[in-house]
C-alpha atoms as a PDB file:
ATOM      1  CA  MET A   1      33.344  -2.170  61.392  1.00  0.00           C
ATOM      2  CA  SER A   2      31.511   1.096  61.807  1.00  0.00           C
ATOM      3  CA  LYS A   3      33.458   4.266  62.294  1.00  0.00           C
ATOM      4  CA  LYS A   4      32.476   6.685  65.000  1.00  0.00           C
ATOM      5  CA  ILE A   5      32.819  10.439  64.579  1.00  0.00           C
ATOM      6  CA  SER A   6      32.790  13.191  67.154  1.00  0.00           C
ATOM      7  CA  LEU A   7      29.477  14.868  67.806  1.00  0.00           C
ATOM      8  CA  GLU A   8      31.124  18.175  66.919  1.00  0.00           C
ATOM      9  CA  GLU A   9      31.894  16.836  63.425  1.00  0.00           C
ATOM     10  CA  CYS A  10      28.366  15.426  63.130  1.00  0.00           C
ATOM     11  CA  LEU A  11      26.789  18.791  63.939  1.00  0.00           C
ATOM     12  CA  LYS A  12      28.602  20.295  60.920  1.00  0.00           C
ATOM     13  CA  CYS A  13      27.323  17.628  58.495  1.00  0.00           C
ATOM     14  CA  VAL A  14      24.689  18.660  55.930  1.00  0.00           C
ATOM     15  CA  HIS A  15      22.701  15.509  56.773  1.00  0.00           C
ATOM     16  CA  HIS A  16      22.416  16.403  60.476  1.00  0.00           C
ATOM     17  CA  ILE A  17      18.857  17.291  61.518  1.00  0.00           C
ATOM     18  CA  SER A  18      18.969  17.555  65.308  1.00  0.00           C
ATOM     19  CA  PHE A  19      20.590  16.375  68.516  1.00  0.00           C
ATOM     20  CA  ARG A  20      18.521  15.755  71.639  1.00  0.00           C
ATOM     21  CA  GLU A  21      18.767  13.553  74.709  1.00  0.00           C
ATOM     22  CA  GLY A  22      21.785  11.582  73.484  1.00  0.00           C
ATOM     23  CA  THR A  23      20.450  10.842  70.017  1.00  0.00           C
ATOM     24  CA  VAL A  24      21.045  12.385  66.623  1.00  0.00           C
ATOM     25  CA  MET A  25      18.478  12.607  63.846  1.00  0.00           C
ATOM     26  CA  CYS A  26      20.124  12.132  60.449  1.00  0.00           C
ATOM     27  CA  ASN A  27      18.776  12.106  56.885  1.00  0.00           C
ATOM     28  CA  TYR A  28      21.821  10.623  55.146  1.00  0.00           C
ATOM     29  CA  TRP A  29      19.725   7.976  53.349  1.00  0.00           C
ATOM     30  CA  HIS A  30      17.033  10.596  52.509  1.00  0.00           C
ATOM     31  CA  ARG A  31      14.877   9.495  55.435  1.00  0.00           C
ATOM     32  CA  GLU A  32      15.002  10.473  59.080  1.00  0.00           C
ATOM     33  CA  GLU A  33      16.925   7.958  61.167  1.00  0.00           C
ATOM     34  CA  GLN A  34      17.904   8.015  64.805  1.00  0.00           C
ATOM     35  CA  ARG A  35      21.577   7.510  65.679  1.00  0.00           C
ATOM     36  CA  MET A  36      22.989   6.915  69.146  1.00  0.00           C
ATOM     37  CA  THR A  37      25.834   8.777  70.825  1.00  0.00           C
ATOM     38  CA  GLN A  38      28.385   7.510  73.313  1.00  0.00           C
ATOM     39  CA  PHE A  39      30.841   9.308  75.575  1.00  0.00           C
ATOM     40  CA  ILE A  40      34.425   8.089  75.297  1.00  0.00           C
ATOM     41  CA  ASP A  41      36.906   9.875  77.564  1.00  0.00           C
ATOM     42  CA  LYS A  42      34.287  12.585  78.198  1.00  0.00           C
ATOM     43  CA  ILE A  43      33.933  13.327  74.457  1.00  0.00           C
ATOM     44  CA  PRO A  44      30.589  12.579  72.756  1.00  0.00           C
ATOM     45  CA  TYR A  45      30.757  10.447  69.606  1.00  0.00           C
ATOM     46  CA  LEU A  46      28.150   9.429  67.069  1.00  0.00           C
ATOM     47  CA  ILE A  47      28.081   5.646  66.742  1.00  0.00           C
ATOM     48  CA  ASN A  48      27.419   3.992  63.357  1.00  0.00           C
ATOM     49  CA  CYS A  49      27.568   7.144  61.269  1.00  0.00           C
ATOM     50  CA  PRO A  50      26.440   6.197  57.735  1.00  0.00           C
ATOM     51  CA  LYS A  51      28.562   8.914  56.118  1.00  0.00           C
ATOM     52  CA  ALA A  52      31.686   7.716  57.940  1.00  0.00           C
ATOM     53  CA  ASP A  53      30.899   4.134  56.880  1.00  0.00           C
ATOM     54  CA  GLU A  54      30.649   5.217  53.216  1.00  0.00           C
ATOM     55  CA  ASP A  55      33.905   7.186  53.488  1.00  0.00           C
ATOM     56  CA  MET A  56      35.691   4.041  54.701  1.00  0.00           C
ATOM     57  CA  ARG A  57      34.803   2.106  51.516  1.00  0.00           C
END
């Protein structure tokens, strides 16, 4: 199961490239990938964060 992290936490990550129109650009795997966000209780979260998935292992 993929862990979601708050957008605020994502923005602080060294792998974060940009955030625009509900999507995050991330270079965690050393290539630009688009990640989706979702609002839960009015708080934006990054869904399927690769860093969070690795931290769970």
